[in-house]
Amino acid sequence: MGCRSRAITQGQRVTVMRGHCHPPDLAGLEALRQREKRPGPAQRENPGGPEFLRTPLGGSFLVHDSFLYRREKAAGEKVYWTCRDQARMGCRSRAITQGQRVMVMRRHCHPPDLAGLEALRQRENLPNLTHWEGPEPTEPLEFLRTSLGGRFLVHESFLYRKEKAAGGKVYWMCRDQGRTGCRSRAITQGQRVMVMRSHCHPPDLAGLEALRQRERLPGRAPQREPEKTQLLPDVQLCLETASAEGQQSDGKSKSTQRTRDPLSHLKSSQEASSTPACSDFYETFGRH
């Protein structure tokens, strides 16, 4: 409507700057008054307190009405949260926590990610790598070489590509992340493996077997040069000898004879030459 009315409050005093260009919304006003009289789900205190889940990087998600919120900042006793899908979905929903109370500022523009929420809850119940006790597994981890000289981690027939290493842990991501969008992750520490998310696709058993077959093959020995390349220096020597002797004979013969028989100087050189290499050369090329 483009209404430009403004109001200023000072204590109990209210000053209106401009008139409205529309009638008042009486139905909306009554709905707000009714909601004010009863505690809404966004303002009720949870007896168990708000639910928080760990992020993959060690932070915290706030869970409210099955929606996930990422921590934005803290000021005093209040903590401000933004929707986890703000960047991907453009969602502008916000939440504020103060003690055991949660207040949501805007509605979400998308349904809750129930599958992602369940995956985070399942991961929350897994043991932390840093608190694992007891000896490491005796069976070593399986690694396979990549085509570029790197390594694949093999776990439950799935292939993982190395992402980074930090603090004694190695972080891996699904090899098919780019092709299928799979968000499965794994962390290795010594001989222990911890998978962070489930795969969204079946394992590539054919590709895994091909990599295992390639791992068993011995390295290729460097190929030797063909035998004929060893004769090149001798052939070059024969050509140089024939060229020098041909130039001497050309000085004594006529130009017309050279035109009629281009190999005449080679034939005369063959008769004069007694080296085995030259004999082999003329045996091969001079009689064609």
Foldseek 3Di string as FASTA:
>chain_A
DPFPWDWDDDPNDIDIDDDGPDDDPVVVVVVVVVCVVDPDLQWDFDPVAWDWFADPVGAIWTAGPLFTWDWDQDDDQKTKTAGPCCPPPVFGWIWIDGTRTIHIDDDGPDDHPNVVSVLRVVLRPDDDPVPDDDDADPDAWDWFADPVGAIWTADPLFTWDWDDDDDQKTKTAGPCCVPPVFGWIWIDHGRDIDIRGDGPDDHPNVVVVVRVVVRPDDDDDDDDDDPVVVLVVLVVVLVVQLVVQLVVVPVVDDPVVCVVPVCPSVVVSCVVDDDPSNVVVCVVPVPD
